[in-house]
Amino acid sequence: YLDDTLVLRTVHHTPEGTVAVTDALAVRPGARGHELGHGSPAVLLREVHALSGRVPIHCEFVPRRSSACSPPICTPYPGAWSPPPGRPR
């Protein structure tokens, strides 16, 4: 974890180079302390940053609700994807 945060940074070393993967869960604006989970938008923010070399990256995005029992359905937006709101039918 990065100092004094709930942001996780993992560094991966490969023969081709090194990448850092940084993950954070978005929280409600202004939330502090024990309020961090209340009203959370349920959004995972992920950044993959090349530190050295040329590392091939494969990313698969398959969000699911209801403990992975529902089919993955997403809505594309410029630069982002969003799963449907609410519970699956």
PDB file of N, CA and C in Angstrom:
ATOM      1  N   TYR A   1       0.847  -1.187   0.000  1.00  0.00           N
ATOM      2  CA  TYR A   1       0.000   0.000   0.000  1.00  0.00           C
ATOM      3  C   TYR A   1       0.886   1.242   0.000  1.00  0.00           C
ATOM      4  N   LEU A   2       0.424   2.276  -0.695  1.00  0.00           N
ATOM      5  CA  LEU A   2       1.151   3.536  -0.657  1.00  0.00           C
ATOM      6  C   LEU A   2       0.990   4.138   0.731  1.00  0.00           C
ATOM      7  N   ASP A   3       1.987   4.867   1.176  1.00  0.00           N
ATOM      8  CA  ASP A   3       1.992   5.414   2.537  1.00  0.00           C
ATOM      9  C   ASP A   3       0.695   6.136   2.880  1.00  0.00           C
ATOM     10  N   ASP A   4       0.128   5.776   4.024  1.00  0.00           N
ATOM     11  CA  ASP A   4      -1.058   6.434   4.587  1.00  0.00           C
ATOM     12  C   ASP A   4      -2.248   6.468   3.625  1.00  0.00           C
ATOM     13  N   THR A   5      -2.401   5.424   2.788  1.00  0.00           N
ATOM     14  CA  THR A   5      -3.531   5.362   1.861  1.00  0.00           C
ATOM     15  C   THR A   5      -4.078   3.942   1.813  1.00  0.00           C
ATOM     16  N   LEU A   6      -5.198   3.787   1.136  1.00  0.00           N
ATOM     17  CA  LEU A   6      -5.739   2.468   0.828  1.00  0.00           C
ATOM     18  C   LEU A   6      -5.496   2.142  -0.645  1.00  0.00           C
ATOM     19  N   VAL A   7      -4.492   2.781  -1.227  1.00  0.00           N
ATOM     20  CA  VAL A   7      -4.120   2.564  -2.622  1.00  0.00           C
ATOM     21  C   VAL A   7      -3.044   1.484  -2.673  1.00  0.00           C
ATOM     22  N   LEU A   8      -3.304   0.444  -3.461  1.00  0.00           N
ATOM     23  CA  LEU A   8      -2.380  -0.683  -3.567  1.00  0.00           C
ATOM     24  C   LEU A   8      -1.555  -0.551  -4.839  1.00  0.00           C
ATOM     25  N   ARG A   9      -0.241  -0.624  -4.687  1.00  0.00           N
ATOM     26  CA  ARG A   9       0.668  -0.572  -5.844  1.00  0.00           C
ATOM     27  C   ARG A   9       1.496  -1.844  -5.843  1.00  0.00           C
ATOM     28  N   THR A  10       1.423  -2.597  -6.946  1.00  0.00           N
ATOM     29  CA  THR A  10       2.164  -3.843  -7.083  1.00  0.00           C
ATOM     30  C   THR A  10       3.112  -3.707  -8.261  1.00  0.00           C
ATOM     31  N   VAL A  11       4.384  -4.049  -8.051  1.00  0.00           N
ATOM     32  CA  VAL A  11       5.379  -3.976  -9.116  1.00  0.00           C
ATOM     33  C   VAL A  11       5.665  -5.391  -9.604  1.00  0.00           C
ATOM     34  N   HIS A  12       5.588  -5.581 -10.923  1.00  0.00           N
ATOM     35  CA  HIS A  12       5.834  -6.883 -11.545  1.00  0.00           C
ATOM     36  C   HIS A  12       7.104  -6.798 -12.390  1.00  0.00           C
ATOM     37  N   HIS A  13       8.035  -7.718 -12.145  1.00  0.00           N
ATOM     38  CA  HIS A  13       9.290  -7.779 -12.893  1.00  0.00           C
ATOM     39  C   HIS A  13       9.222  -8.957 -13.858  1.00  0.00           C
ATOM     40  N   THR A  14       9.517  -8.714 -15.135  1.00  0.00           N
ATOM     41  CA  THR A  14       9.532  -9.762 -16.153  1.00  0.00           C
ATOM     42  C   THR A  14      10.855  -9.667 -16.917  1.00  0.00           C
ATOM     43  N   PRO A  15      11.176 -10.673 -17.709  1.00  0.00           N
ATOM     44  CA  PRO A  15      12.391 -10.565 -18.531  1.00  0.00           C
ATOM     45  C   PRO A  15      12.343  -9.388 -19.516  1.00  0.00           C
ATOM     46  N   GLU A  16      11.133  -8.965 -19.912  1.00  0.00           N
ATOM     47  CA  GLU A  16      10.983  -7.866 -20.868  1.00  0.00           C
ATOM     48  C   GLU A  16      11.047  -6.489 -20.219  1.00  0.00           C
ATOM     49  N   GLY A  17      10.792  -6.394 -18.919  1.00  0.00           N
ATOM     50  CA  GLY A  17      10.786  -5.106 -18.244  1.00  0.00           C
ATOM     51  C   GLY A  17       9.989  -5.148 -16.956  1.00  0.00           C
ATOM     52  N   THR A  18       9.649  -3.977 -16.446  1.00  0.00           N
ATOM     53  CA  THR A  18       8.961  -3.855 -15.163  1.00  0.00           C
ATOM     54  C   THR A  18       7.750  -2.946 -15.308  1.00  0.00           C
ATOM     55  N   VAL A  19       6.621  -3.356 -14.715  1.00  0.00           N
ATOM     56  CA  VAL A  19       5.417  -2.527 -14.699  1.00  0.00           C
ATOM     57  C   VAL A  19       4.912  -2.392 -13.269  1.00  0.00           C
ATOM     58  N   ALA A  20       4.239  -1.285 -13.004  1.00  0.00           N
ATOM     59  CA  ALA A  20       3.577  -1.071 -11.719  1.00  0.00           C
ATOM     60  C   ALA A  20       2.076  -1.022 -11.974  1.00  0.00           C
ATOM     61  N   VAL A  21       1.321  -1.775 -11.179  1.00  0.00           N
ATOM     62  CA  VAL A  21      -0.137  -1.766 -11.252  1.00  0.00           C
ATOM     63  C   VAL A  21      -0.635  -1.092  -9.979  1.00  0.00           C
ATOM     64  N   THR A  22      -1.394  -0.017 -10.138  1.00  0.00           N
ATOM     65  CA  THR A  22      -1.922   0.725  -8.995  1.00  0.00           C
ATOM     66  C   THR A  22      -3.437   0.593  -8.986  1.00  0.00           C
ATOM     67  N   ASP A  23      -3.994   0.138  -7.858  1.00  0.00           N
ATOM     68  CA  ASP A  23      -5.436  -0.068  -7.708  1.00  0.00           C
ATOM     69  C   ASP A  23      -5.969   0.762  -6.550  1.00  0.00           C
ATOM     70  N   ALA A  24      -7.133   1.343  -6.761  1.00  0.00           N
ATOM     71  CA  ALA A  24      -7.820   2.078  -5.698  1.00  0.00           C
ATOM     72  C   ALA A  24      -9.318   1.940  -5.907  1.00  0.00           C
ATOM     73  N   LEU A  25     -10.066   1.898  -4.827  1.00  0.00           N
ATOM     74  CA  LEU A  25     -11.522   1.915  -4.904  1.00  0.00           C
ATOM     75  C   LEU A  25     -11.981   3.352  -4.731  1.00  0.00           C
ATOM     76  N   ALA A  26     -12.818   3.811  -5.656  1.00  0.00           N
ATOM     77  CA  ALA A  26     -13.342   5.172  -5.553  1.00  0.00           C
ATOM     78  C   ALA A  26     -14.260   5.266  -4.341  1.00  0.00           C
ATOM     79  N   VAL A  27     -14.236   6.404  -3.683  1.00  0.00           N
ATOM     80  CA  VAL A  27     -15.092   6.634  -2.519  1.00  0.00           C
ATOM     81  C   VAL A  27     -15.954   7.865  -2.770  1.00  0.00           C
ATOM     82  N   ARG A  28     -16.974   8.005  -1.953  1.00  0.00           N
ATOM     83  CA  ARG A  28     -17.856   9.173  -2.042  1.00  0.00           C
ATOM     84  C   ARG A  28     -17.028  10.425  -1.761  1.00  0.00           C
ATOM     85  N   PRO A  29     -17.204  11.486  -2.561  1.00  0.00           N
ATOM     86  CA  PRO A  29     -16.459  12.720  -2.310  1.00  0.00           C
ATOM     87  C   PRO A  29     -16.653  13.206  -0.879  1.00  0.00           C
ATOM     88  N   GLY A  30     -15.567  13.561  -0.228  1.00  0.00           N
ATOM     89  CA  GLY A  30     -15.608  14.075   1.136  1.00  0.00           C
ATOM     90  C   GLY A  30     -15.620  13.012   2.217  1.00  0.00           C
ATOM     91  N   ALA A  31     -15.726  11.739   1.853  1.00  0.00           N
ATOM     92  CA  ALA A  31     -15.764  10.658   2.849  1.00  0.00           C
ATOM     93  C   ALA A  31     -14.407  10.540   3.529  1.00  0.00           C
ATOM     94  N   ARG A  32     -14.436  10.364   4.840  1.00  0.00           N
ATOM     95  CA  ARG A  32     -13.208  10.218   5.625  1.00  0.00           C
ATOM     96  C   ARG A  32     -13.429   9.151   6.685  1.00  0.00           C
ATOM     97  N   GLY A  33     -12.340   8.559   7.139  1.00  0.00           N
ATOM     98  CA  GLY A  33     -12.403   7.597   8.244  1.00  0.00           C
ATOM     99  C   GLY A  33     -13.339   6.440   7.977  1.00  0.00           C
ATOM    100  N   HIS A  34     -14.218   6.169   8.931  1.00  0.00           N
ATOM    101  CA  HIS A  34     -15.139   5.039   8.832  1.00  0.00           C
ATOM    102  C   HIS A  34     -16.260   5.264   7.816  1.00  0.00           C
ATOM    103  N   GLU A  35     -16.353   6.454   7.238  1.00  0.00           N
ATOM    104  CA  GLU A  35     -17.368   6.744   6.215  1.00  0.00           C
ATOM    105  C   GLU A  35     -16.938   6.274   4.823  1.00  0.00           C
ATOM    106  N   LEU A  36     -15.701   5.817   4.658  1.00  0.00           N
ATOM    107  CA  LEU A  36     -15.162   5.525   3.326  1.00  0.00           C
ATOM    108  C   LEU A  36     -16.021   4.559   2.522  1.00  0.00           C
ATOM    109  N   GLY A  37     -16.604   3.545   3.142  1.00  0.00           N
ATOM    110  CA  GLY A  37     -17.403   2.572   2.407  1.00  0.00           C
ATOM    111  C   GLY A  37     -18.845   2.971   2.191  1.00  0.00           C
ATOM    112  N   HIS A  38     -19.334   3.968   2.931  1.00  0.00           N
ATOM    113  CA  HIS A  38     -20.736   4.369   2.828  1.00  0.00           C
ATOM    114  C   HIS A  38     -20.964   5.212   1.575  1.00  0.00           C
ATOM    115  N   GLY A  39     -21.894   4.791   0.744  1.00  0.00           N
ATOM    116  CA  GLY A  39     -22.212   5.549  -0.463  1.00  0.00           C
ATOM    117  C   GLY A  39     -21.135   5.453  -1.532  1.00  0.00           C
ATOM    118  N   SER A  40     -20.300   4.443  -1.448  1.00  0.00           N
ATOM    119  CA  SER A  40     -19.235   4.259  -2.430  1.00  0.00           C
ATOM    120  C   SER A  40     -19.833   3.984  -3.805  1.00  0.00           C
ATOM    121  N   PRO A  41     -19.242   4.532  -4.870  1.00  0.00           N
ATOM    122  CA  PRO A  41     -19.775   4.289  -6.212  1.00  0.00           C
ATOM    123  C   PRO A  41     -19.436   2.908  -6.769  1.00  0.00           C
ATOM    124  N   ALA A  42     -18.744   2.065  -6.014  1.00  0.00           N
ATOM    125  CA  ALA A  42     -18.368   0.703  -6.449  1.00  0.00           C
ATOM    126  C   ALA A  42     -17.564   0.745  -7.744  1.00  0.00           C
ATOM    127  N   VAL A  43     -16.536   1.582  -7.762  1.00  0.00           N
ATOM    128  CA  VAL A  43     -15.689   1.757  -8.937  1.00  0.00           C
ATOM    129  C   VAL A  43     -14.251   1.413  -8.577  1.00  0.00           C
ATOM    130  N   LEU A  44     -13.650   0.517  -9.351  1.00  0.00           N
ATOM    131  CA  LEU A  44     -12.236   0.198  -9.199  1.00  0.00           C
ATOM    132  C   LEU A  44     -11.454   1.022 -10.206  1.00  0.00           C
ATOM    133  N   LEU A  45     -10.468   1.750  -9.720  1.00  0.00           N
ATOM    134  CA  LEU A  45      -9.586   2.534 -10.583  1.00  0.00           C
ATOM    135  C   LEU A  45      -8.271   1.779 -10.696  1.00  0.00           C
ATOM    136  N   ARG A  46      -7.821   1.519 -11.910  1.00  0.00           N
ATOM    137  CA  ARG A  46      -6.581   0.760 -12.113  1.00  0.00           C
ATOM    138  C   ARG A  46      -5.712   1.475 -13.136  1.00  0.00           C
ATOM    139  N   GLU A  47      -4.430   1.611 -12.801  1.00  0.00           N
ATOM    140  CA  GLU A  47      -3.450   2.192 -13.710  1.00  0.00           C
ATOM    141  C   GLU A  47      -2.294   1.217 -13.851  1.00  0.00           C
ATOM    142  N   VAL A  48      -1.875   0.963 -15.083  1.00  0.00           N
ATOM    143  CA  VAL A  48      -0.697   0.142 -15.349  1.00  0.00           C
ATOM    144  C   VAL A  48       0.342   1.064 -15.967  1.00  0.00           C
ATOM    145  N   HIS A  49       1.501   1.136 -15.323  1.00  0.00           N
ATOM    146  CA  HIS A  49       2.539   2.077 -15.738  1.00  0.00           C
ATOM    147  C   HIS A  49       3.832   1.315 -16.009  1.00  0.00           C
ATOM    148  N   ALA A  50       4.403   1.485 -17.199  1.00  0.00           N
ATOM    149  CA  ALA A  50       5.683   0.852 -17.529  1.00  0.00           C
ATOM    150  C   ALA A  50       6.809   1.589 -16.810  1.00  0.00           C
ATOM    151  N   LEU A  51       7.593   0.844 -16.043  1.00  0.00           N
ATOM    152  CA  LEU A  51       8.729   1.436 -15.342  1.00  0.00           C
ATOM    153  C   LEU A  51      10.022   1.256 -16.132  1.00  0.00           C
ATOM    154  N   SER A  52      10.113   0.139 -16.874  1.00  0.00           N
ATOM    155  CA  SER A  52      11.288  -0.104 -17.711  1.00  0.00           C
ATOM    156  C   SER A  52      10.950  -1.141 -18.771  1.00  0.00           C
ATOM    157  N   GLY A  53      11.680  -1.103 -19.891  1.00  0.00           N
ATOM    158  CA  GLY A  53      11.504  -2.098 -20.938  1.00  0.00           C
ATOM    159  C   GLY A  53      10.199  -1.950 -21.692  1.00  0.00           C
ATOM    160  N   ARG A  54       9.812  -3.054 -22.352  1.00  0.00           N
ATOM    161  CA  ARG A  54       8.563  -3.117 -23.116  1.00  0.00           C
ATOM    162  C   ARG A  54       7.852  -4.399 -22.712  1.00  0.00           C
ATOM    163  N   VAL A  55       6.890  -4.291 -21.837  1.00  0.00           N
ATOM    164  CA  VAL A  55       6.178  -5.448 -21.301  1.00  0.00           C
ATOM    165  C   VAL A  55       4.815  -5.558 -21.977  1.00  0.00           C
ATOM    166  N   PRO A  56       4.542  -6.691 -22.650  1.00  0.00           N
ATOM    167  CA  PRO A  56       3.210  -6.859 -23.238  1.00  0.00           C
ATOM    168  C   PRO A  56       2.161  -7.010 -22.137  1.00  0.00           C
ATOM    169  N   ILE A  57       1.038  -6.328 -22.293  1.00  0.00           N
ATOM    170  CA  ILE A  57      -0.027  -6.347 -21.286  1.00  0.00           C
ATOM    171  C   ILE A  57      -1.304  -6.874 -21.935  1.00  0.00           C
ATOM    172  N   HIS A  58      -1.966  -7.801 -21.265  1.00  0.00           N
ATOM    173  CA  HIS A  58      -3.281  -8.289 -21.691  1.00  0.00           C
ATOM    174  C   HIS A  58      -4.255  -7.971 -20.563  1.00  0.00           C
ATOM    175  N   CYS A  59      -5.320  -7.271 -20.884  1.00  0.00           N
ATOM    176  CA  CYS A  59      -6.303  -6.899 -19.870  1.00  0.00           C
ATOM    177  C   CYS A  59      -7.669  -7.418 -20.297  1.00  0.00           C
ATOM    178  N   GLU A  60      -8.330  -8.121 -19.400  1.00  0.00           N
ATOM    179  CA  GLU A  60      -9.677  -8.616 -19.661  1.00  0.00           C
ATOM    180  C   GLU A  60     -10.612  -7.987 -18.638  1.00  0.00           C
ATOM    181  N   PHE A  61     -11.655  -7.324 -19.127  1.00  0.00           N
ATOM    182  CA  PHE A  61     -12.605  -6.621 -18.266  1.00  0.00           C
ATOM    183  C   PHE A  61     -13.939  -7.342 -18.346  1.00  0.00           C
ATOM    184  N   VAL A  62     -14.318  -8.050 -17.284  1.00  0.00           N
ATOM    185  CA  VAL A  62     -15.561  -8.827 -17.269  1.00  0.00           C
ATOM    186  C   VAL A  62     -16.255  -8.614 -15.917  1.00  0.00           C
ATOM    187  N   PRO A  63     -16.832  -7.427 -15.681  1.00  0.00           N
ATOM    188  CA  PRO A  63     -17.501  -7.188 -14.397  1.00  0.00           C
ATOM    189  C   PRO A  63     -18.810  -7.963 -14.308  1.00  0.00           C
ATOM    190  N   ARG A  64     -19.113  -8.434 -13.133  1.00  0.00           N
ATOM    191  CA  ARG A  64     -20.362  -9.168 -12.907  1.00  0.00           C
ATOM    192  C   ARG A  64     -20.938  -8.754 -11.557  1.00  0.00           C
ATOM    193  N   ARG A  65     -22.240  -8.789 -11.483  1.00  0.00           N
ATOM    194  CA  ARG A  65     -22.933  -8.511 -10.218  1.00  0.00           C
ATOM    195  C   ARG A  65     -23.464  -9.815  -9.655  1.00  0.00           C
ATOM    196  N   SER A  66     -23.969  -9.784  -8.469  1.00  0.00           N
ATOM    197  CA  SER A  66     -24.570 -10.948  -7.812  1.00  0.00           C
ATOM    198  C   SER A  66     -23.608 -12.125  -7.748  1.00  0.00           C
ATOM    199  N   SER A  67     -22.413 -11.867  -7.254  1.00  0.00           N
ATOM    200  CA  SER A  67     -21.406 -12.921  -7.061  1.00  0.00           C
ATOM    201  C   SER A  67     -21.131 -13.692  -8.340  1.00  0.00           C
ATOM    202  N   ALA A  68     -21.044 -12.997  -9.450  1.00  0.00           N
ATOM    203  CA  ALA A  68     -20.704 -13.561 -10.761  1.00  0.00           C
ATOM    204  C   ALA A  68     -21.783 -14.467 -11.332  1.00  0.00           C
ATOM    205  N   CYS A  69     -23.023 -14.370 -10.847  1.00  0.00           N
ATOM    206  CA  CYS A  69     -24.111 -15.208 -11.362  1.00  0.00           C
ATOM    207  C   CYS A  69     -24.771 -14.605 -12.598  1.00  0.00           C
ATOM    208  N   SER A  70     -24.604 -13.317 -12.829  1.00  0.00           N
ATOM    209  CA  SER A  70     -25.265 -12.666 -13.956  1.00  0.00           C
ATOM    210  C   SER A  70     -24.292 -12.518 -15.125  1.00  0.00           C
ATOM    211  N   PRO A  71     -24.821 -12.372 -16.334  1.00  0.00           N
ATOM    212  CA  PRO A  71     -23.937 -12.198 -17.493  1.00  0.00           C
ATOM    213  C   PRO A  71     -23.269 -10.824 -17.460  1.00  0.00           C
ATOM    214  N   PRO A  72     -22.057 -10.725 -18.002  1.00  0.00           N
ATOM    215  CA  PRO A  72     -21.400  -9.416 -18.035  1.00  0.00           C
ATOM    216  C   PRO A  72     -22.042  -8.527 -19.095  1.00  0.00           C
ATOM    217  N   ILE A  73     -22.568  -7.392 -18.687  1.00  0.00           N
ATOM    218  CA  ILE A  73     -23.185  -6.436 -19.601  1.00  0.00           C
ATOM    219  C   ILE A  73     -22.638  -5.062 -19.236  1.00  0.00           C
ATOM    220  N   CYS A  74     -22.053  -4.378 -20.208  1.00  0.00           N
ATOM    221  CA  CYS A  74     -21.466  -3.067 -19.947  1.00  0.00           C
ATOM    222  C   CYS A  74     -21.916  -2.073 -21.003  1.00  0.00           C
ATOM    223  N   THR A  75     -21.864  -0.809 -20.654  1.00  0.00           N
ATOM    224  CA  THR A  75     -22.188   0.275 -21.569  1.00  0.00           C
ATOM    225  C   THR A  75     -20.900   1.023 -21.885  1.00  0.00           C
ATOM    226  N   PRO A  76     -20.531   1.152 -23.175  1.00  0.00           N
ATOM    227  CA  PRO A  76     -19.308   1.888 -23.506  1.00  0.00           C
ATOM    228  C   PRO A  76     -19.537   3.395 -23.450  1.00  0.00           C
ATOM    229  N   TYR A  77     -18.560   4.108 -22.931  1.00  0.00           N
ATOM    230  CA  TYR A  77     -18.513   5.565 -22.914  1.00  0.00           C
ATOM    231  C   TYR A  77     -17.144   5.958 -23.445  1.00  0.00           C
ATOM    232  N   PRO A  78     -16.957   7.170 -23.932  1.00  0.00           N
ATOM    233  CA  PRO A  78     -15.628   7.571 -24.401  1.00  0.00           C
ATOM    234  C   PRO A  78     -14.592   7.407 -23.285  1.00  0.00           C
ATOM    235  N   GLY A  79     -13.650   6.506 -23.492  1.00  0.00           N
ATOM    236  CA  GLY A  79     -12.581   6.291 -22.520  1.00  0.00           C
ATOM    237  C   GLY A  79     -12.956   5.446 -21.328  1.00  0.00           C
ATOM    238  N   ALA A  80     -14.158   4.873 -21.295  1.00  0.00           N
ATOM    239  CA  ALA A  80     -14.569   4.097 -20.115  1.00  0.00           C
ATOM    240  C   ALA A  80     -15.701   3.136 -20.471  1.00  0.00           C
ATOM    241  N   TRP A  81     -15.949   2.196 -19.572  1.00  0.00           N
ATOM    242  CA  TRP A  81     -17.080   1.270 -19.660  1.00  0.00           C
ATOM    243  C   TRP A  81     -17.797   1.306 -18.331  1.00  0.00           C
ATOM    244  N   SER A  82     -19.104   1.103 -18.350  1.00  0.00           N
ATOM    245  CA  SER A  82     -19.873   1.117 -17.109  1.00  0.00           C
ATOM    246  C   SER A  82     -20.842  -0.053 -17.084  1.00  0.00           C
ATOM    247  N   PRO A  83     -20.851  -0.831 -15.975  1.00  0.00           N
ATOM    248  CA  PRO A  83     -21.863  -1.880 -15.845  1.00  0.00           C
ATOM    249  C   PRO A  83     -23.223  -1.250 -15.588  1.00  0.00           C
ATOM    250  N   PRO A  84     -24.305  -1.968 -15.871  1.00  0.00           N
ATOM    251  CA  PRO A  84     -25.639  -1.404 -15.666  1.00  0.00           C
ATOM    252  C   PRO A  84     -25.918  -1.187 -14.183  1.00  0.00           C
ATOM    253  N   PRO A  85     -26.715  -0.172 -13.844  1.00  0.00           N
ATOM    254  CA  PRO A  85     -27.059   0.062 -12.442  1.00  0.00           C
ATOM    255  C   PRO A  85     -28.058  -0.976 -11.943  1.00  0.00           C
ATOM    256  N   GLY A  86     -28.116  -1.140 -10.650  1.00  0.00           N
ATOM    257  CA  GLY A  86     -29.112  -2.026 -10.046  1.00  0.00           C
ATOM    258  C   GLY A  86     -28.754  -3.488 -10.126  1.00  0.00           C
ATOM    259  N   ARG A  87     -29.665  -4.314  -9.692  1.00  0.00           N
ATOM    260  CA  ARG A  87     -29.449  -5.754  -9.662  1.00  0.00           C
ATOM    261  C   ARG A  87     -29.914  -6.377 -10.972  1.00  0.00           C
ATOM    262  N   PRO A  88     -29.280  -7.461 -11.399  1.00  0.00           N
ATOM    263  CA  PRO A  88     -29.724  -8.114 -12.630  1.00  0.00           C
ATOM    264  C   PRO A  88     -31.096  -8.736 -12.465  1.00  0.00           C
ATOM    265  N   ARG A  89     -31.826  -8.866 -13.573  1.00  0.00           N
ATOM    266  CA  ARG A  89     -33.152  -9.481 -13.542  1.00  0.00           C
ATOM    267  C   ARG A  89     -33.056 -10.970 -13.707  1.00  0.00           C
TER     268      ARG A  89
END
